[in-house]
C-alpha atoms as a PDB file:
ATOM      1  CA  UNK A   1       0.000   0.000   0.000  1.00  0.00           C
ATOM      2  CA  UNK A   2       1.271   3.477  -0.827  1.00  0.00           C
ATOM      3  CA  UNK A   3       1.867   5.922   2.016  1.00  0.00           C
ATOM      4  CA  UNK A   4      -1.112   8.046   1.051  1.00  0.00           C
ATOM      5  CA  UNK A   5      -3.551   5.307   2.109  1.00  0.00           C
ATOM      6  CA  UNK A   6      -5.208   6.123   5.459  1.00  0.00           C
ATOM      7  CA  UNK A   7      -5.234   3.024   7.687  1.00  0.00           C
ATOM      8  CA  UNK A   8      -8.269   2.433   9.944  1.00  0.00           C
ATOM      9  CA  UNK A   9      -8.928   0.060  12.832  1.00  0.00           C
ATOM     10  CA  UNK A  10     -12.553  -0.341  13.969  1.00  0.00           C
ATOM     11  CA  UNK A  11     -13.333  -1.026  17.642  1.00  0.00           C
ATOM     12  CA  UNK A  12     -16.718  -2.735  17.932  1.00  0.00           C
ATOM     13  CA  UNK A  13     -18.002  -5.085  15.221  1.00  0.00           C
ATOM     14  CA  UNK A  14     -21.744  -4.740  15.754  1.00  0.00           C
ATOM     15  CA  UNK A  15     -24.125  -3.263  13.168  1.00  0.00           C
ATOM     16  CA  UNK A  16     -22.556   0.206  13.304  1.00  0.00           C
ATOM     17  CA  UNK A  17     -18.955  -1.027  13.412  1.00  0.00           C
ATOM     18  CA  UNK A  18     -19.518  -3.205  10.360  1.00  0.00           C
ATOM     19  CA  UNK A  19     -20.991  -0.204   8.540  1.00  0.00           C
ATOM     20  CA  UNK A  20     -17.820   1.736   9.271  1.00  0.00           C
ATOM     21  CA  UNK A  21     -15.678  -1.187   8.147  1.00  0.00           C
ATOM     22  CA  UNK A  22     -17.613  -1.528   4.891  1.00  0.00           C
ATOM     23  CA  UNK A  23     -17.382   2.208   4.119  1.00  0.00           C
ATOM     24  CA  UNK A  24     -13.631   2.126   4.800  1.00  0.00           C
ATOM     25  CA  UNK A  25     -13.314  -0.855   2.471  1.00  0.00           C
ATOM     26  CA  UNK A  26     -15.137   1.035  -0.290  1.00  0.00           C
ATOM     27  CA  UNK A  27     -12.903   4.123  -0.093  1.00  0.00           C
ATOM     28  CA  UNK A  28      -9.938   3.910  -2.494  1.00  0.00           C
ATOM     29  CA  UNK A  29      -7.763   6.024  -0.202  1.00  0.00           C
ATOM     30  CA  UNK A  30      -8.589   4.053   2.958  1.00  0.00           C
ATOM     31  CA  UNK A  31      -7.634   0.603   4.217  1.00  0.00           C
ATOM     32  CA  UNK A  32      -9.221  -1.458   6.989  1.00  0.00           C
ATOM     33  CA  UNK A  33      -6.312  -2.993   8.934  1.00  0.00           C
ATOM     34  CA  UNK A  34      -8.035  -4.456  12.036  1.00  0.00           C
ATOM     35  CA  UNK A  35     -11.336  -5.172  13.784  1.00  0.00           C
ATOM     36  CA  UNK A  36     -11.866  -5.477  17.543  1.00  0.00           C
ATOM     37  CA  UNK A  37     -14.762  -6.988  19.493  1.00  0.00           C
ATOM     38  CA  UNK A  38     -15.219  -8.892  22.746  1.00  0.00           C
ATOM     39  CA  UNK A  39     -17.066 -11.568  20.736  1.00  0.00           C
ATOM     40  CA  UNK A  40     -15.224 -13.672  18.169  1.00  0.00           C
ATOM     41  CA  UNK A  41     -15.299 -12.837  14.463  1.00  0.00           C
ATOM     42  CA  UNK A  42     -17.872 -15.498  13.635  1.00  0.00           C
ATOM     43  CA  UNK A  43     -20.244 -14.371  16.412  1.00  0.00           C
ATOM     44  CA  UNK A  44     -19.994 -10.826  15.012  1.00  0.00           C
ATOM     45  CA  UNK A  45     -20.833 -12.094  11.503  1.00  0.00           C
ATOM     46  CA  UNK A  46     -17.694 -10.291  10.354  1.00  0.00           C
ATOM     47  CA  UNK A  47     -15.789 -13.140   8.722  1.00  0.00           C
ATOM     48  CA  UNK A  48     -16.011 -11.446   5.318  1.00  0.00           C
ATOM     49  CA  UNK A  49     -13.615  -8.770   6.586  1.00  0.00           C
ATOM     50  CA  UNK A  50     -10.249 -10.371   5.905  1.00  0.00           C
ATOM     51  CA  UNK A  51      -8.246  -8.462   8.524  1.00  0.00           C
ATOM     52  CA  UNK A  52      -6.662  -9.269  11.904  1.00  0.00           C
ATOM     53  CA  UNK A  53      -9.334  -9.582  14.603  1.00  0.00           C
ATOM     54  CA  UNK A  54      -8.631  -8.718  18.259  1.00  0.00           C
ATOM     55  CA  UNK A  55     -10.653  -9.196  21.442  1.00  0.00           C
ATOM     56  CA  UNK A  56      -9.722  -5.880  23.113  1.00  0.00           C
ATOM     57  CA  UNK A  57      -8.319  -2.454  22.329  1.00  0.00           C
ATOM     58  CA  UNK A  58      -5.262  -3.331  24.473  1.00  0.00           C
ATOM     59  CA  UNK A  59      -4.630  -6.433  22.377  1.00  0.00           C
ATOM     60  CA  UNK A  60      -4.837  -4.300  19.222  1.00  0.00           C
ATOM     61  CA  UNK A  61      -2.400  -1.706  20.577  1.00  0.00           C
ATOM     62  CA  UNK A  62       0.040  -4.426  21.665  1.00  0.00           C
ATOM     63  CA  UNK A  63       0.121  -5.842  18.112  1.00  0.00           C
ATOM     64  CA  UNK A  64       1.938  -2.731  16.796  1.00  0.00           C
ATOM     65  CA  UNK A  65      -0.009  -2.669  13.537  1.00  0.00           C
ATOM     66  CA  UNK A  66       0.429   0.491  11.480  1.00  0.00           C
ATOM     67  CA  UNK A  67      -2.752   2.528  12.111  1.00  0.00           C
ATOM     68  CA  UNK A  68      -3.705   6.142  11.384  1.00  0.00           C
ATOM     69  CA  UNK A  69      -7.289   6.263  12.656  1.00  0.00           C
ATOM     70  CA  UNK A  70      -9.237   4.302  15.284  1.00  0.00           C
ATOM     71  CA  UNK A  71     -13.040   4.206  14.893  1.00  0.00           C
ATOM     72  CA  UNK A  72     -14.911   3.787  18.187  1.00  0.00           C
ATOM     73  CA  UNK A  73     -18.186   1.909  17.549  1.00  0.00           C
ATOM     74  CA  UNK A  74     -18.741   0.326  20.954  1.00  0.00           C
ATOM     75  CA  UNK A  75     -21.485   0.842  23.598  1.00  0.00           C
ATOM     76  CA  UNK A  76     -21.930   4.528  24.499  1.00  0.00           C
ATOM     77  CA  UNK A  77     -20.425   4.260  27.968  1.00  0.00           C
ATOM     78  CA  UNK A  78     -17.080   3.060  26.546  1.00  0.00           C
ATOM     79  CA  UNK A  79     -16.633   5.833  23.964  1.00  0.00           C
ATOM     80  CA  UNK A  80     -14.732   8.318  26.118  1.00  0.00           C
ATOM     81  CA  UNK A  81     -12.330   5.850  27.728  1.00  0.00           C
ATOM     82  CA  UNK A  82     -11.510   4.153  24.415  1.00  0.00           C
ATOM     83  CA  UNK A  83     -11.152   7.458  22.522  1.00  0.00           C
ATOM     84  CA  UNK A  84      -8.656   8.686  25.116  1.00  0.00           C
ATOM     85  CA  UNK A  85      -6.711   5.418  24.923  1.00  0.00           C
ATOM     86  CA  UNK A  86      -6.471   5.684  21.121  1.00  0.00           C
ATOM     87  CA  UNK A  87      -5.356   9.331  21.350  1.00  0.00           C
ATOM     88  CA  UNK A  88      -2.717   8.453  23.968  1.00  0.00           C
ATOM     89  CA  UNK A  89      -1.292   6.038  21.417  1.00  0.00           C
ATOM     90  CA  UNK A  90      -1.138   8.855  18.830  1.00  0.00           C
ATOM     91  CA  UNK A  91      -4.029   7.802  16.608  1.00  0.00           C
ATOM     92  CA  UNK A  92      -6.735  10.043  15.195  1.00  0.00           C
ATOM     93  CA  UNK A  93     -10.224   9.057  16.406  1.00  0.00           C
ATOM     94  CA  UNK A  94     -13.638   8.688  14.779  1.00  0.00           C
ATOM     95  CA  UNK A  95     -16.173   8.448  17.604  1.00  0.00           C
ATOM     96  CA  UNK A  96     -19.733   7.238  17.060  1.00  0.00           C
ATOM     97  CA  UNK A  97     -22.452   9.237  18.774  1.00  0.00           C
ATOM     98  CA  UNK A  98     -22.574  10.129  21.575  1.00  0.00           C
ATOM     99  CA  UNK A  99     -18.990  11.261  22.142  1.00  0.00           C
ATOM    100  CA  UNK A 100     -19.419  10.442  25.841  1.00  0.00           C
ATOM    101  CA  UNK A 101     -22.108  10.273  28.496  1.00  0.00           C
ATOM    102  CA  UNK A 102     -21.033  13.480  30.261  1.00  0.00           C
ATOM    103  CA  UNK A 103     -19.600  16.877  29.371  1.00  0.00           C
ATOM    104  CA  UNK A 104     -16.698  16.089  31.699  1.00  0.00           C
ATOM    105  CA  UNK A 105     -15.749  12.979  29.685  1.00  0.00           C
ATOM    106  CA  UNK A 106     -15.966  14.891  26.414  1.00  0.00           C
ATOM    107  CA  UNK A 107     -13.715  17.648  27.766  1.00  0.00           C
ATOM    108  CA  UNK A 108     -11.121  15.002  28.659  1.00  0.00           C
ATOM    109  CA  UNK A 109     -11.207  13.698  25.064  1.00  0.00           C
ATOM    110  CA  UNK A 110     -10.732  17.214  23.657  1.00  0.00           C
ATOM    111  CA  UNK A 111      -7.892  17.951  26.090  1.00  0.00           C
ATOM    112  CA  UNK A 112      -6.129  14.715  25.116  1.00  0.00           C
ATOM    113  CA  UNK A 113      -6.586  15.377  21.373  1.00  0.00           C
ATOM    114  CA  UNK A 114      -5.012  18.837  21.761  1.00  0.00           C
ATOM    115  CA  UNK A 115      -2.200  17.400  23.891  1.00  0.00           C
ATOM    116  CA  UNK A 116      -1.428  14.721  21.270  1.00  0.00           C
ATOM    117  CA  UNK A 117      -2.129  16.970  18.218  1.00  0.00           C
ATOM    118  CA  UNK A 118      -4.621  14.431  16.877  1.00  0.00           C
ATOM    119  CA  UNK A 119      -8.068  14.935  15.354  1.00  0.00           C
ATOM    120  CA  UNK A 120     -11.340  13.700  16.824  1.00  0.00           C
ATOM    121  CA  UNK A 121     -14.218  13.275  14.361  1.00  0.00           C
ATOM    122  CA  UNK A 122     -17.738  12.815  15.738  1.00  0.00           C
ATOM    123  CA  UNK A 123     -20.319  10.850  13.771  1.00  0.00           C
ATOM    124  CA  UNK A 124     -23.382  13.002  13.070  1.00  0.00           C
ATOM    125  CA  UNK A 125     -24.340  11.675   9.669  1.00  0.00           C
ATOM    126  CA  UNK A 126     -27.764  13.327   9.449  1.00  0.00           C
ATOM    127  CA  UNK A 127     -26.004  16.585   8.545  1.00  0.00           C
ATOM    128  CA  UNK A 128     -25.126  15.119   5.140  1.00  0.00           C
ATOM    129  CA  UNK A 129     -28.658  14.550   3.843  1.00  0.00           C
ATOM    130  CA  UNK A 130     -29.756  16.980   1.094  1.00  0.00           C
ATOM    131  CA  UNK A 131     -32.703  18.326   3.175  1.00  0.00           C
ATOM    132  CA  UNK A 132     -30.334  19.036   6.102  1.00  0.00           C
ATOM    133  CA  UNK A 133     -27.859  20.880   3.878  1.00  0.00           C
ATOM    134  CA  UNK A 134     -30.711  22.880   2.313  1.00  0.00           C
ATOM    135  CA  UNK A 135     -32.320  23.832   5.634  1.00  0.00           C
ATOM    136  CA  UNK A 136     -28.913  24.874   6.998  1.00  0.00           C
ATOM    137  CA  UNK A 137     -28.516  27.229   4.043  1.00  0.00           C
ATOM    138  CA  UNK A 138     -31.931  28.910   4.345  1.00  0.00           C
ATOM    139  CA  UNK A 139     -31.615  29.316   8.131  1.00  0.00           C
ATOM    140  CA  UNK A 140     -28.080  30.737   7.839  1.00  0.00           C
ATOM    141  CA  UNK A 141     -28.804  33.159   4.992  1.00  0.00           C
ATOM    142  CA  UNK A 142     -31.973  34.577   6.558  1.00  0.00           C
ATOM    143  CA  UNK A 143     -34.456  33.184   4.014  1.00  0.00           C
ATOM    144  CA  UNK A 144     -36.728  32.142   6.912  1.00  0.00           C
ATOM    145  CA  UNK A 145     -36.168  35.432   8.721  1.00  0.00           C
ATOM    146  CA  UNK A 146     -36.103  35.492  12.512  1.00  0.00           C
ATOM    147  CA  UNK A 147     -36.722  32.080  14.054  1.00  0.00           C
ATOM    148  CA  UNK A 148     -39.859  32.119  16.215  1.00  0.00           C
ATOM    149  CA  UNK A 149     -40.507  28.443  16.992  1.00  0.00           C
ATOM    150  CA  UNK A 150     -38.888  25.061  16.369  1.00  0.00           C
ATOM    151  CA  UNK A 151     -40.622  21.770  17.156  1.00  0.00           C
ATOM    152  CA  UNK A 152     -38.753  18.472  17.014  1.00  0.00           C
ATOM    153  CA  UNK A 153     -40.879  15.291  17.131  1.00  0.00           C
ATOM    154  CA  UNK A 154     -39.197  11.883  17.459  1.00  0.00           C
ATOM    155  CA  UNK A 155     -41.630   8.994  17.903  1.00  0.00           C
ATOM    156  CA  UNK A 156     -39.967   5.607  17.515  1.00  0.00           C
ATOM    157  CA  UNK A 157     -40.614   1.977  18.343  1.00  0.00           C
ATOM    158  CA  UNK A 158     -38.010   0.324  20.561  1.00  0.00           C
ATOM    159  CA  UNK A 159     -39.486  -2.766  22.214  1.00  0.00           C
ATOM    160  CA  UNK A 160     -38.136  -6.118  23.419  1.00  0.00           C
ATOM    161  CA  UNK A 161     -36.895  -6.878  19.914  1.00  0.00           C
ATOM    162  CA  UNK A 162     -34.375  -4.090  20.518  1.00  0.00           C
ATOM    163  CA  UNK A 163     -33.802  -4.188  24.283  1.00  0.00           C
ATOM    164  CA  UNK A 164     -32.708  -7.805  24.588  1.00  0.00           C
ATOM    165  CA  UNK A 165     -32.082  -9.255  28.056  1.00  0.00           C
ATOM    166  CA  UNK A 166     -28.389  -9.324  28.946  1.00  0.00           C
ATOM    167  CA  UNK A 167     -27.388  -6.715  26.355  1.00  0.00           C
ATOM    168  CA  UNK A 168     -25.900  -3.255  26.940  1.00  0.00           C
ATOM    169  CA  UNK A 169     -28.830  -1.349  25.441  1.00  0.00           C
ATOM    170  CA  UNK A 170     -31.082   0.031  28.153  1.00  0.00           C
ATOM    171  CA  UNK A 171     -28.418   0.091  30.863  1.00  0.00           C
ATOM    172  CA  UNK A 172     -27.559   3.381  32.572  1.00  0.00           C
ATOM    173  CA  UNK A 173     -23.783   2.892  32.506  1.00  0.00           C
ATOM    174  CA  UNK A 174     -23.341   1.738  28.889  1.00  0.00           C
ATOM    175  CA  UNK A 175     -26.417   3.142  27.102  1.00  0.00           C
ATOM    176  CA  UNK A 176     -27.032   6.306  29.132  1.00  0.00           C
ATOM    177  CA  UNK A 177     -30.558   7.103  28.031  1.00  0.00           C
ATOM    178  CA  UNK A 178     -33.021   7.425  25.179  1.00  0.00           C
ATOM    179  CA  UNK A 179     -31.716  10.835  24.086  1.00  0.00           C
ATOM    180  CA  UNK A 180     -28.132   9.565  23.875  1.00  0.00           C
ATOM    181  CA  UNK A 181     -28.787   6.395  21.895  1.00  0.00           C
ATOM    182  CA  UNK A 182     -31.860   7.135  19.803  1.00  0.00           C
ATOM    183  CA  UNK A 183     -32.173  10.864  19.313  1.00  0.00           C
ATOM    184  CA  UNK A 184     -28.786  12.578  19.692  1.00  0.00           C
ATOM    185  CA  UNK A 185     -28.583  12.946  15.879  1.00  0.00           C
ATOM    186  CA  UNK A 186     -31.709  15.102  15.943  1.00  0.00           C
ATOM    187  CA  UNK A 187     -30.445  17.213  18.832  1.00  0.00           C
ATOM    188  CA  UNK A 188     -27.239  17.661  16.818  1.00  0.00           C
ATOM    189  CA  UNK A 189     -29.198  18.941  13.807  1.00  0.00           C
ATOM    190  CA  UNK A 190     -31.102  21.360  16.054  1.00  0.00           C
ATOM    191  CA  UNK A 191     -27.864  22.649  17.628  1.00  0.00           C
ATOM    192  CA  UNK A 192     -26.181  22.900  14.197  1.00  0.00           C
ATOM    193  CA  UNK A 193     -29.065  25.001  12.854  1.00  0.00           C
ATOM    194  CA  UNK A 194     -30.079  27.153  15.819  1.00  0.00           C
ATOM    195  CA  UNK A 195     -27.320  27.055  18.427  1.00  0.00           C
ATOM    196  CA  UNK A 196     -27.450  26.496  22.164  1.00  0.00           C
ATOM    197  CA  UNK A 197     -30.529  26.429  24.408  1.00  0.00           C
ATOM    198  CA  UNK A 198     -31.497  27.735  27.863  1.00  0.00           C
ATOM    199  CA  UNK A 199     -34.500  27.800  30.238  1.00  0.00           C
ATOM    200  CA  UNK A 200     -35.060  24.048  29.863  1.00  0.00           C
ATOM    201  CA  UNK A 201     -38.283  22.581  31.243  1.00  0.00           C
ATOM    202  CA  UNK A 202     -39.406  18.993  30.885  1.00  0.00           C
ATOM    203  CA  UNK A 203     -41.890  16.289  31.681  1.00  0.00           C
ATOM    204  CA  UNK A 204     -40.808  12.647  31.462  1.00  0.00           C
ATOM    205  CA  UNK A 205     -42.370   9.189  31.723  1.00  0.00           C
ATOM    206  CA  UNK A 206     -41.504   5.507  31.405  1.00  0.00           C
ATOM    207  CA  UNK A 207     -44.573   3.933  29.802  1.00  0.00           C
ATOM    208  CA  UNK A 208     -43.497   0.531  28.462  1.00  0.00           C
ATOM    209  CA  UNK A 209     -39.863  -0.063  29.431  1.00  0.00           C
ATOM    210  CA  UNK A 210     -39.941  -0.589  33.222  1.00  0.00           C
ATOM    211  CA  UNK A 211     -38.598  -4.124  32.774  1.00  0.00           C
ATOM    212  CA  UNK A 212     -36.160  -3.484  29.903  1.00  0.00           C
ATOM    213  CA  UNK A 213     -34.373  -0.157  30.552  1.00  0.00           C
ATOM    214  CA  UNK A 214     -32.938   1.825  33.459  1.00  0.00           C
ATOM    215  CA  UNK A 215     -34.421   5.119  32.238  1.00  0.00           C
ATOM    216  CA  UNK A 216     -37.344   7.019  30.699  1.00  0.00           C
ATOM    217  CA  UNK A 217     -38.839   6.202  27.305  1.00  0.00           C
ATOM    218  CA  UNK A 218     -40.717   9.470  26.675  1.00  0.00           C
ATOM    219  CA  UNK A 219     -40.466  13.189  27.257  1.00  0.00           C
ATOM    220  CA  UNK A 220     -41.834  16.637  26.464  1.00  0.00           C
ATOM    221  CA  UNK A 221     -39.020  19.206  26.679  1.00  0.00           C
ATOM    222  CA  UNK A 222     -39.306  22.959  26.077  1.00  0.00           C
ATOM    223  CA  UNK A 223     -36.602  25.633  25.989  1.00  0.00           C
ATOM    224  CA  UNK A 224     -35.486  28.964  24.542  1.00  0.00           C
ATOM    225  CA  UNK A 225     -32.736  29.392  21.969  1.00  0.00           C
ATOM    226  CA  UNK A 226     -29.963  31.728  23.096  1.00  0.00           C
ATOM    227  CA  UNK A 227     -30.014  33.191  19.566  1.00  0.00           C
ATOM    228  CA  UNK A 228     -33.769  33.911  19.792  1.00  0.00           C
ATOM    229  CA  UNK A 229     -36.974  31.943  19.471  1.00  0.00           C
ATOM    230  CA  UNK A 230     -38.302  29.013  21.441  1.00  0.00           C
ATOM    231  CA  UNK A 231     -38.286  25.288  20.857  1.00  0.00           C
ATOM    232  CA  UNK A 232     -39.589  21.933  21.955  1.00  0.00           C
ATOM    233  CA  UNK A 233     -38.439  18.330  21.725  1.00  0.00           C
ATOM    234  CA  UNK A 234     -41.141  15.667  22.027  1.00  0.00           C
ATOM    235  CA  UNK A 235     -39.860  12.098  21.983  1.00  0.00           C
ATOM    236  CA  UNK A 236     -40.815   8.526  22.738  1.00  0.00           C
ATOM    237  CA  UNK A 237     -39.632   4.970  22.148  1.00  0.00           C
ATOM    238  CA  UNK A 238     -42.951   3.618  23.461  1.00  0.00           C
ATOM    239  CA  UNK A 239     -44.621   3.718  20.037  1.00  0.00           C
ATOM    240  CA  UNK A 240     -46.293   0.378  19.263  1.00  0.00           C
ATOM    241  CA  UNK A 241     -45.223  -1.865  16.365  1.00  0.00           C
ATOM    242  CA  UNK A 242     -43.000   0.433  14.301  1.00  0.00           C
ATOM    243  CA  UNK A 243     -41.469   3.930  14.083  1.00  0.00           C
ATOM    244  CA  UNK A 244     -44.059   6.676  13.646  1.00  0.00           C
ATOM    245  CA  UNK A 245     -42.262   9.940  12.907  1.00  0.00           C
ATOM    246  CA  UNK A 246     -39.115  12.039  13.001  1.00  0.00           C
ATOM    247  CA  UNK A 247     -39.869  15.638  12.080  1.00  0.00           C
ATOM    248  CA  UNK A 248     -38.771  19.217  12.536  1.00  0.00           C
ATOM    249  CA  UNK A 249     -41.150  22.149  12.097  1.00  0.00           C
ATOM    250  CA  UNK A 250     -39.591  25.616  11.841  1.00  0.00           C
ATOM    251  CA  UNK A 251     -41.697  28.788  12.028  1.00  0.00           C
ATOM    252  CA  UNK A 252     -39.830  31.933  10.994  1.00  0.00           C
ATOM    253  CA  UNK A 253     -40.868  35.528  10.393  1.00  0.00           C
ATOM    254  CA  UNK A 254     -40.728  35.016   6.615  1.00  0.00           C
ATOM    255  CA  UNK A 255     -42.150  31.510   6.322  1.00  0.00           C
ATOM    256  CA  UNK A 256     -42.461  27.954   7.613  1.00  0.00           C
ATOM    257  CA  UNK A 257     -40.775  24.654   6.814  1.00  0.00           C
ATOM    258  CA  UNK A 258     -41.391  21.071   7.923  1.00  0.00           C
ATOM    259  CA  UNK A 259     -38.938  18.223   7.385  1.00  0.00           C
ATOM    260  CA  UNK A 260     -40.134  14.669   8.015  1.00  0.00           C
ATOM    261  CA  UNK A 261     -39.507  11.059   7.053  1.00  0.00           C
ATOM    262  CA  UNK A 262     -37.880   8.305   9.064  1.00  0.00           C
ATOM    263  CA  UNK A 263     -34.545  10.120   9.286  1.00  0.00           C
ATOM    264  CA  UNK A 264     -35.766  13.687   8.615  1.00  0.00           C
ATOM    265  CA  UNK A 265     -34.928  13.106   4.964  1.00  0.00           C
ATOM    266  CA  UNK A 266     -38.038  14.572   3.272  1.00  0.00           C
ATOM    267  CA  UNK A 267     -39.193  18.172   2.941  1.00  0.00           C
ATOM    268  CA  UNK A 268     -42.945  17.968   3.667  1.00  0.00           C
ATOM    269  CA  UNK A 269     -43.774  21.700   3.703  1.00  0.00           C
ATOM    270  CA  UNK A 270     -41.938  24.760   2.376  1.00  0.00           C
ATOM    271  CA  UNK A 271     -44.052  27.880   2.631  1.00  0.00           C
ATOM    272  CA  UNK A 272     -41.879  30.987   2.221  1.00  0.00           C
ATOM    273  CA  UNK A 273     -43.272  34.057   0.422  1.00  0.00           C
ATOM    274  CA  UNK A 274     -41.501  34.761  -2.870  1.00  0.00           C
ATOM    275  CA  UNK A 275     -39.232  31.712  -2.532  1.00  0.00           C
ATOM    276  CA  UNK A 276     -39.195  28.741  -4.832  1.00  0.00           C
ATOM    277  CA  UNK A 277     -37.642  25.667  -3.299  1.00  0.00           C
ATOM    278  CA  UNK A 278     -34.875  24.103  -5.420  1.00  0.00           C
ATOM    279  CA  UNK A 279     -35.057  20.475  -6.448  1.00  0.00           C
ATOM    280  CA  UNK A 280     -32.935  18.619  -3.920  1.00  0.00           C
ATOM    281  CA  UNK A 281     -30.691  15.700  -4.716  1.00  0.00           C
ATOM    282  CA  UNK A 282     -32.298  12.395  -3.722  1.00  0.00           C
ATOM    283  CA  UNK A 283     -31.440  11.085  -0.276  1.00  0.00           C
ATOM    284  CA  UNK A 284     -28.961   8.245  -0.612  1.00  0.00           C
ATOM    285  CA  UNK A 285     -30.436   4.753  -0.548  1.00  0.00           C
ATOM    286  CA  UNK A 286     -29.347   2.804   2.498  1.00  0.00           C
ATOM    287  CA  UNK A 287     -27.033  -0.154   2.355  1.00  0.00           C
ATOM    288  CA  UNK A 288     -28.551  -3.538   3.037  1.00  0.00           C
ATOM    289  CA  UNK A 289     -27.721  -4.605   6.593  1.00  0.00           C
ATOM    290  CA  UNK A 290     -30.534  -7.100   7.001  1.00  0.00           C
ATOM    291  CA  UNK A 291     -32.894  -5.777   9.664  1.00  0.00           C
ATOM    292  CA  UNK A 292     -31.067  -2.444   9.526  1.00  0.00           C
ATOM    293  CA  UNK A 293     -31.641  -1.851   5.813  1.00  0.00           C
ATOM    294  CA  UNK A 294     -31.883   1.803   4.847  1.00  0.00           C
ATOM    295  CA  UNK A 295     -30.408   3.427   7.923  1.00  0.00           C
ATOM    296  CA  UNK A 296     -26.738   3.511   6.933  1.00  0.00           C
ATOM    297  CA  UNK A 297     -27.044   5.879   4.039  1.00  0.00           C
ATOM    298  CA  UNK A 298     -24.541   8.556   4.997  1.00  0.00           C
ATOM    299  CA  UNK A 299     -21.678   6.793   6.761  1.00  0.00           C
ATOM    300  CA  UNK A 300     -19.538   6.857   3.608  1.00  0.00           C
ATOM    301  CA  UNK A 301     -19.520  10.674   3.806  1.00  0.00           C
ATOM    302  CA  UNK A 302     -17.956  10.442   7.259  1.00  0.00           C
ATOM    303  CA  UNK A 303     -15.105   8.230   6.080  1.00  0.00           C
ATOM    304  CA  UNK A 304     -14.607  10.481   3.023  1.00  0.00           C
ATOM    305  CA  UNK A 305     -14.463  13.524   5.320  1.00  0.00           C
ATOM    306  CA  UNK A 306     -11.863  11.867   7.570  1.00  0.00           C
ATOM    307  CA  UNK A 307      -9.677  10.981   4.579  1.00  0.00           C
ATOM    308  CA  UNK A 308     -10.055  14.447   3.012  1.00  0.00           C
ATOM    309  CA  UNK A 309      -9.340  16.213   6.326  1.00  0.00           C
ATOM    310  CA  UNK A 310      -6.232  14.163   7.117  1.00  0.00           C
ATOM    311  CA  UNK A 311      -4.967  14.851   3.600  1.00  0.00           C
ATOM    312  CA  UNK A 312      -5.489  18.584   4.101  1.00  0.00           C
ATOM    313  CA  UNK A 313      -8.233  18.956   1.486  1.00  0.00           C
ATOM    314  CA  UNK A 314     -11.009  20.026   3.864  1.00  0.00           C
ATOM    315  CA  UNK A 315     -11.919  20.346   7.548  1.00  0.00           C
ATOM    316  CA  UNK A 316     -13.898  18.077   9.865  1.00  0.00           C
ATOM    317  CA  UNK A 317     -17.659  18.259   9.271  1.00  0.00           C
ATOM    318  CA  UNK A 318     -18.420  17.570  12.942  1.00  0.00           C
ATOM    319  CA  UNK A 319     -15.673  18.611  15.293  1.00  0.00           C
ATOM    320  CA  UNK A 320     -15.222  17.430  18.859  1.00  0.00           C
ATOM    321  CA  UNK A 321     -16.505  20.673  20.378  1.00  0.00           C
ATOM    322  CA  UNK A 322     -19.848  20.197  18.622  1.00  0.00           C
ATOM    323  CA  UNK A 323     -19.929  16.592  19.843  1.00  0.00           C
ATOM    324  CA  UNK A 324     -19.401  17.900  23.379  1.00  0.00           C
ATOM    325  CA  UNK A 325     -22.199  20.474  23.026  1.00  0.00           C
ATOM    326  CA  UNK A 326     -24.743  17.813  22.033  1.00  0.00           C
ATOM    327  CA  UNK A 327     -23.780  15.714  25.080  1.00  0.00           C
ATOM    328  CA  UNK A 328     -23.962  18.790  27.319  1.00  0.00           C
ATOM    329  CA  UNK A 329     -27.466  19.692  26.053  1.00  0.00           C
ATOM    330  CA  UNK A 330     -28.671  16.118  26.725  1.00  0.00           C
ATOM    331  CA  UNK A 331     -27.045  16.186  30.167  1.00  0.00           C
ATOM    332  CA  UNK A 332     -28.877  19.435  31.013  1.00  0.00           C
ATOM    333  CA  UNK A 333     -32.210  17.977  29.834  1.00  0.00           C
ATOM    334  CA  UNK A 334     -31.578  14.872  31.952  1.00  0.00           C
ATOM    335  CA  UNK A 335     -30.957  17.029  35.022  1.00  0.00           C
ATOM    336  CA  UNK A 336     -34.637  17.978  34.729  1.00  0.00           C
ATOM    337  CA  UNK A 337     -35.600  14.308  34.315  1.00  0.00           C
ATOM    338  CA  UNK A 338     -33.615  13.284  37.380  1.00  0.00           C
ATOM    339  CA  UNK A 339     -35.389  15.943  39.471  1.00  0.00           C
ATOM    340  CA  UNK A 340     -38.744  14.355  38.566  1.00  0.00           C
ATOM    341  CA  UNK A 341     -38.148  10.636  38.215  1.00  0.00           C
ATOM    342  CA  UNK A 342     -36.642   7.947  40.366  1.00  0.00           C
ATOM    343  CA  UNK A 343     -35.821   4.588  38.863  1.00  0.00           C
ATOM    344  CA  UNK A 344     -36.131   1.586  41.090  1.00  0.00           C
ATOM    345  CA  UNK A 345     -33.210  -0.362  39.699  1.00  0.00           C
END
């Protein structure tokens, strides 16, 4: 391999880790050099990746393989510790969402990356969809005018098919909560578009997950944007049978917009006086990951961005400070939840 190939190792060979590995494999300027998981390669259904397979990050580091970037695709509660370990060994890091489960952990990652002069890329792939790029443009350039109200609705199904007994999902220490695992992408989009929030109020409930998770499954959250306007986040994983909706409604002084679809990938309403909406590029079809078909559409952009950034052609699409801000916003919302709810586990 020539020296201009960026070498990646992926920690965690579950659904997300295998997506990363596949996108690395498809990039002509990238090479997958190792996979790591506590389960063996066969149990991970990762035998088609013909690379060395290790059972721990320590085992990988001890092997002295040439690596440029380590992708962290493990349970949420391990992200910070493993990111710091990779940085200490002088590797760049790609960290799946969330970057950590506390602002404090995220600050430690950023401090270590600055100390080691290494990049940390956070995975927030919803930013790459054509509707997201379009809405960013019309918010930034004032087409919508002053922002009055923003409503984010996330109504998903996550039942016992998802929260399997004995797994990490649903646990406080490794999962962290519904907003971290299910909906941090949508909070990222909101922060990316409108900035930070204040005056948070919330109401939370656990309707159907008392026996399968350590935390709430539903919430109504309201707040003000520091930059002006007010917003709300309404979310639930207690929806029966299948996902219902992910949508964002924006009411501005010059018009209104609503984005919907399973991954906020469709413009449902664009009502702005004197403005004709351009024809957007189609949202990328998802790769086929069995039960996860259709949800991986934008991961290749992340790998492309890492390669382009490390080669000096561009900058990181989601930097570590933005990853920290999303975690901090969730942490502040959960402070309100913890004031109201006690969990008996």
